[in-house]
N, C-alpha and C. Protein backbone atom coordinates (compact mmCIF):
# COMPACT_ATOMS: atom_id res chain seq x y z
N UNK A 1 -17.39 -48.47 -49.64
CA UNK A 1 -16.34 -48.54 -48.73
C UNK A 1 -16.42 -47.40 -47.79
N UNK A 2 -16.18 -47.78 -46.39
CA UNK A 2 -16.32 -46.68 -45.45
C UNK A 2 -15.02 -45.92 -45.31
N UNK A 3 -15.15 -44.71 -44.93
CA UNK A 3 -13.88 -43.82 -44.76
C UNK A 3 -13.20 -44.37 -43.54
N UNK A 4 -12.01 -44.41 -43.53
CA UNK A 4 -11.17 -44.80 -42.36
C UNK A 4 -10.57 -43.65 -41.75
N UNK A 5 -10.58 -43.58 -40.42
CA UNK A 5 -9.93 -42.58 -39.63
C UNK A 5 -8.49 -42.82 -39.64
N UNK A 6 -7.63 -41.70 -39.99
CA UNK A 6 -6.28 -41.75 -39.93
C UNK A 6 -5.62 -42.02 -38.72
N UNK A 7 -4.52 -42.64 -38.61
CA UNK A 7 -3.79 -42.73 -37.43
C UNK A 7 -3.58 -41.45 -36.78
N UNK A 8 -3.61 -41.37 -35.40
CA UNK A 8 -3.21 -40.09 -34.73
C UNK A 8 -2.00 -40.46 -33.84
N UNK A 9 -1.38 -39.37 -33.36
CA UNK A 9 -0.21 -39.64 -32.48
C UNK A 9 -0.46 -40.43 -31.17
N UNK A 10 -1.88 -40.49 -30.84
CA UNK A 10 -2.17 -41.15 -29.50
C UNK A 10 -2.56 -42.54 -29.94
N UNK A 11 -2.58 -43.00 -31.10
CA UNK A 11 -3.01 -44.40 -31.38
C UNK A 11 -1.80 -45.27 -31.41
N UNK A 12 -2.12 -46.54 -30.93
CA UNK A 12 -0.87 -47.53 -31.02
C UNK A 12 -0.59 -47.67 -32.48
N UNK A 13 0.69 -48.00 -32.69
CA UNK A 13 1.07 -48.44 -34.01
C UNK A 13 0.60 -49.74 -34.42
N UNK A 14 -0.10 -49.99 -35.47
CA UNK A 14 -0.67 -51.19 -35.76
C UNK A 14 -0.13 -51.71 -37.14
N UNK A 15 0.88 -52.80 -36.99
CA UNK A 15 1.58 -53.19 -38.19
C UNK A 15 0.61 -54.02 -39.20
N UNK A 16 -0.59 -54.38 -38.65
CA UNK A 16 -1.63 -54.95 -39.48
C UNK A 16 -2.44 -54.07 -40.32
N UNK A 17 -2.24 -52.70 -40.03
CA UNK A 17 -3.08 -51.69 -40.82
C UNK A 17 -2.08 -51.31 -42.03
N UNK A 18 -2.60 -51.52 -43.19
CA UNK A 18 -1.90 -51.14 -44.41
C UNK A 18 -2.64 -50.07 -45.29
N UNK A 19 -1.94 -49.09 -45.70
CA UNK A 19 -2.53 -48.08 -46.47
C UNK A 19 -2.00 -48.00 -47.81
N UNK A 20 -2.75 -47.55 -48.87
CA UNK A 20 -2.46 -47.31 -50.21
C UNK A 20 -2.92 -45.95 -50.60
N UNK A 21 -1.99 -45.12 -51.23
CA UNK A 21 -2.35 -43.87 -51.65
C UNK A 21 -2.00 -43.83 -53.22
N UNK A 22 -3.13 -44.00 -54.03
CA UNK A 22 -2.99 -44.09 -55.49
C UNK A 22 -2.56 -42.83 -56.02
N UNK A 23 -1.57 -42.90 -56.89
CA UNK A 23 -0.96 -41.69 -57.52
C UNK A 23 -1.44 -41.53 -58.93
N UNK A 24 -1.25 -42.45 -59.76
CA UNK A 24 -1.54 -42.46 -61.12
C UNK A 24 -1.51 -43.69 -61.84
N UNK A 25 -2.43 -43.95 -62.90
CA UNK A 25 -2.26 -45.08 -63.83
C UNK A 25 -1.61 -44.53 -64.94
N UNK A 26 -0.35 -45.02 -65.24
CA UNK A 26 0.45 -44.57 -66.32
C UNK A 26 -0.14 -45.23 -67.73
N UNK A 27 0.30 -44.52 -68.92
CA UNK A 27 -0.07 -45.06 -70.14
C UNK A 27 0.50 -46.39 -70.43
N UNK A 28 1.64 -46.78 -69.77
CA UNK A 28 2.17 -48.15 -70.08
C UNK A 28 1.45 -49.20 -69.14
N UNK A 29 0.38 -48.83 -68.49
CA UNK A 29 -0.35 -49.93 -67.63
C UNK A 29 0.15 -50.11 -66.35
N UNK A 30 1.18 -49.33 -65.88
CA UNK A 30 1.66 -49.37 -64.43
C UNK A 30 0.90 -48.41 -63.58
N UNK A 31 0.76 -48.88 -62.37
CA UNK A 31 0.03 -47.92 -61.43
C UNK A 31 1.23 -47.39 -60.34
N UNK A 32 1.42 -46.07 -60.09
CA UNK A 32 2.30 -45.52 -59.22
C UNK A 32 1.40 -45.32 -58.01
N UNK A 33 1.90 -45.67 -56.90
CA UNK A 33 1.26 -45.58 -55.53
C UNK A 33 2.27 -45.56 -54.36
N UNK A 34 1.80 -45.09 -53.24
CA UNK A 34 2.54 -45.14 -52.09
C UNK A 34 1.80 -46.20 -51.12
N UNK A 35 2.74 -46.91 -50.45
CA UNK A 35 2.33 -47.91 -49.56
C UNK A 35 2.83 -47.81 -48.25
N UNK A 36 2.07 -47.92 -47.21
CA UNK A 36 2.36 -47.60 -45.81
C UNK A 36 1.92 -48.69 -44.93
N UNK A 37 2.67 -49.01 -43.91
CA UNK A 37 2.21 -49.92 -42.86
C UNK A 37 2.26 -49.14 -41.61
N UNK A 38 1.01 -49.25 -40.90
CA UNK A 38 0.84 -48.56 -39.59
C UNK A 38 0.68 -47.07 -39.55
N UNK A 39 1.21 -46.37 -40.41
CA UNK A 39 1.22 -44.94 -40.37
C UNK A 39 1.17 -44.40 -41.85
N UNK A 40 0.07 -43.85 -42.25
CA UNK A 40 -0.19 -43.45 -43.59
C UNK A 40 0.76 -42.38 -44.16
N UNK A 41 1.44 -41.62 -43.23
CA UNK A 41 2.26 -40.54 -43.62
C UNK A 41 3.64 -41.01 -43.94
N UNK A 42 4.10 -42.13 -43.58
CA UNK A 42 5.38 -42.87 -43.83
C UNK A 42 5.20 -44.01 -44.64
N UNK A 43 5.67 -43.77 -45.99
CA UNK A 43 5.44 -45.03 -46.91
C UNK A 43 6.53 -45.05 -47.97
N UNK A 44 6.52 -45.95 -48.87
CA UNK A 44 7.29 -46.08 -49.95
C UNK A 44 6.59 -45.95 -51.26
N UNK A 45 7.32 -45.40 -52.23
CA UNK A 45 6.53 -45.17 -53.58
C UNK A 45 6.86 -46.53 -54.35
N UNK A 46 5.75 -47.10 -54.88
CA UNK A 46 5.94 -48.42 -55.75
C UNK A 46 5.18 -48.22 -57.05
N UNK A 47 5.58 -49.05 -58.03
CA UNK A 47 4.91 -49.19 -59.28
C UNK A 47 4.74 -50.64 -59.58
N UNK A 48 3.46 -50.88 -59.98
CA UNK A 48 3.12 -52.31 -60.45
C UNK A 48 2.27 -52.29 -61.58
N UNK A 49 2.26 -53.32 -62.47
CA UNK A 49 1.14 -53.51 -63.46
C UNK A 49 -0.15 -53.45 -62.76
N UNK A 50 -1.18 -53.02 -63.46
CA UNK A 50 -2.57 -52.89 -62.86
C UNK A 50 -2.97 -54.06 -62.25
N UNK A 51 -2.92 -55.20 -62.84
CA UNK A 51 -3.40 -56.55 -62.21
C UNK A 51 -2.65 -56.80 -61.02
N UNK A 52 -1.42 -56.61 -60.99
CA UNK A 52 -0.60 -57.01 -59.79
C UNK A 52 -0.85 -55.98 -58.66
N UNK A 53 -1.06 -54.73 -58.99
CA UNK A 53 -1.51 -53.74 -58.14
C UNK A 53 -2.77 -54.16 -57.42
N UNK A 54 -3.75 -54.60 -58.07
CA UNK A 54 -5.02 -55.05 -57.59
C UNK A 54 -4.93 -56.18 -56.61
N UNK A 55 -4.06 -57.17 -57.01
CA UNK A 55 -3.77 -58.32 -56.10
C UNK A 55 -2.94 -57.87 -54.89
N UNK A 56 -2.08 -57.08 -54.96
CA UNK A 56 -1.29 -56.52 -53.90
C UNK A 56 -2.17 -55.93 -52.90
N UNK A 57 -3.02 -55.06 -53.38
CA UNK A 57 -4.09 -54.42 -52.55
C UNK A 57 -4.94 -55.42 -51.82
N UNK A 58 -5.46 -56.36 -52.54
CA UNK A 58 -6.29 -57.40 -51.98
C UNK A 58 -5.56 -58.30 -50.90
N UNK A 59 -4.36 -58.68 -51.18
CA UNK A 59 -3.67 -59.50 -50.24
C UNK A 59 -3.12 -58.80 -49.04
N UNK A 60 -3.01 -57.51 -49.22
CA UNK A 60 -2.60 -56.83 -47.94
C UNK A 60 -3.74 -56.08 -47.29
N UNK A 61 -4.89 -56.37 -47.84
CA UNK A 61 -6.20 -55.68 -47.16
C UNK A 61 -6.04 -54.27 -46.80
N UNK A 62 -5.68 -53.58 -47.83
CA UNK A 62 -5.21 -52.09 -47.67
C UNK A 62 -6.45 -51.21 -47.35
N UNK A 63 -6.26 -50.17 -46.66
CA UNK A 63 -7.13 -49.07 -46.77
C UNK A 63 -6.77 -48.00 -47.70
N UNK A 64 -7.78 -47.64 -48.64
CA UNK A 64 -7.40 -46.76 -49.65
C UNK A 64 -7.65 -45.35 -49.04
N UNK A 65 -6.62 -44.43 -49.03
CA UNK A 65 -6.74 -43.10 -48.51
C UNK A 65 -7.51 -42.26 -49.57
N UNK A 66 -8.38 -41.41 -49.10
CA UNK A 66 -9.22 -40.57 -49.90
C UNK A 66 -8.37 -39.35 -50.26
N UNK A 67 -8.83 -38.58 -51.31
CA UNK A 67 -8.22 -37.39 -51.71
C UNK A 67 -8.07 -36.39 -50.58
N UNK A 68 -9.04 -36.40 -49.61
CA UNK A 68 -9.06 -35.47 -48.61
C UNK A 68 -7.97 -35.89 -47.47
N UNK A 69 -7.93 -37.15 -47.31
CA UNK A 69 -6.92 -37.64 -46.35
C UNK A 69 -5.42 -37.49 -46.91
N UNK A 70 -5.24 -37.57 -48.25
CA UNK A 70 -4.00 -37.34 -48.95
C UNK A 70 -3.58 -35.89 -48.79
N UNK A 71 -4.62 -34.93 -49.09
CA UNK A 71 -4.33 -33.56 -48.89
C UNK A 71 -3.96 -33.08 -47.36
N UNK A 72 -4.61 -33.84 -46.42
CA UNK A 72 -4.32 -33.44 -45.07
C UNK A 72 -2.82 -34.10 -44.79
N UNK A 73 -2.49 -35.11 -45.21
CA UNK A 73 -1.13 -35.67 -45.11
C UNK A 73 0.00 -34.68 -45.78
N UNK A 74 -0.45 -34.31 -46.99
CA UNK A 74 0.45 -33.29 -47.60
C UNK A 74 0.61 -31.97 -46.78
N UNK A 75 -0.57 -31.52 -46.40
CA UNK A 75 -0.52 -30.25 -45.61
C UNK A 75 0.43 -30.34 -44.36
N UNK A 76 0.22 -31.52 -43.58
CA UNK A 76 1.04 -31.74 -42.37
C UNK A 76 2.38 -31.82 -42.71
N UNK A 77 2.81 -32.51 -43.82
CA UNK A 77 4.22 -32.73 -44.16
C UNK A 77 4.95 -31.48 -44.46
N UNK A 78 4.25 -30.44 -44.87
CA UNK A 78 4.87 -29.12 -45.29
C UNK A 78 5.68 -28.47 -44.07
N UNK A 79 5.18 -28.96 -42.70
CA UNK A 79 5.87 -28.30 -41.62
C UNK A 79 7.31 -28.81 -41.51
N UNK A 80 7.50 -30.05 -42.17
CA UNK A 80 8.95 -30.72 -42.17
C UNK A 80 9.72 -30.03 -43.25
N UNK A 81 9.11 -29.49 -44.32
CA UNK A 81 9.91 -28.76 -45.37
C UNK A 81 10.17 -27.30 -45.14
N UNK A 82 9.07 -26.70 -44.45
CA UNK A 82 9.08 -25.26 -44.43
C UNK A 82 8.90 -24.77 -42.95
N UNK A 83 8.91 -25.56 -42.04
CA UNK A 83 8.84 -25.26 -40.52
C UNK A 83 7.46 -25.02 -39.96
N UNK A 84 6.49 -24.98 -40.80
CA UNK A 84 4.97 -24.83 -40.39
C UNK A 84 4.18 -25.36 -41.40
N UNK A 85 3.04 -26.02 -40.96
CA UNK A 85 2.10 -26.47 -41.98
C UNK A 85 1.49 -25.41 -42.72
N UNK A 86 1.42 -25.63 -44.05
CA UNK A 86 0.74 -24.63 -44.95
C UNK A 86 1.69 -23.64 -45.52
N UNK A 87 2.91 -23.63 -45.03
CA UNK A 87 3.89 -22.58 -45.46
C UNK A 87 4.62 -23.11 -46.70
N UNK A 88 4.62 -22.36 -47.88
CA UNK A 88 5.28 -23.04 -49.08
C UNK A 88 6.63 -22.20 -49.51
N UNK A 89 6.90 -21.13 -48.86
CA UNK A 89 8.12 -20.36 -49.21
C UNK A 89 9.03 -20.27 -48.00
């Protein structure tokens, strides 16, 4: 799977581009993940049983975010919480 370039503010919003940010596979067999349409930083948290998660990802033709992409999103979102990216206090 090739790495996908994340959406930038200058890119047009593309409702056909779907993103998944895997969070965890729980001991009860459910997968916790974030799902986004068009903009990977804006999404909803979902939980599905593993097989339904796989089918959901296939049917939506998702782009799986890498650990580095997730960290970049987390870093950028800190400015909304703390006023500047990277500030934690």
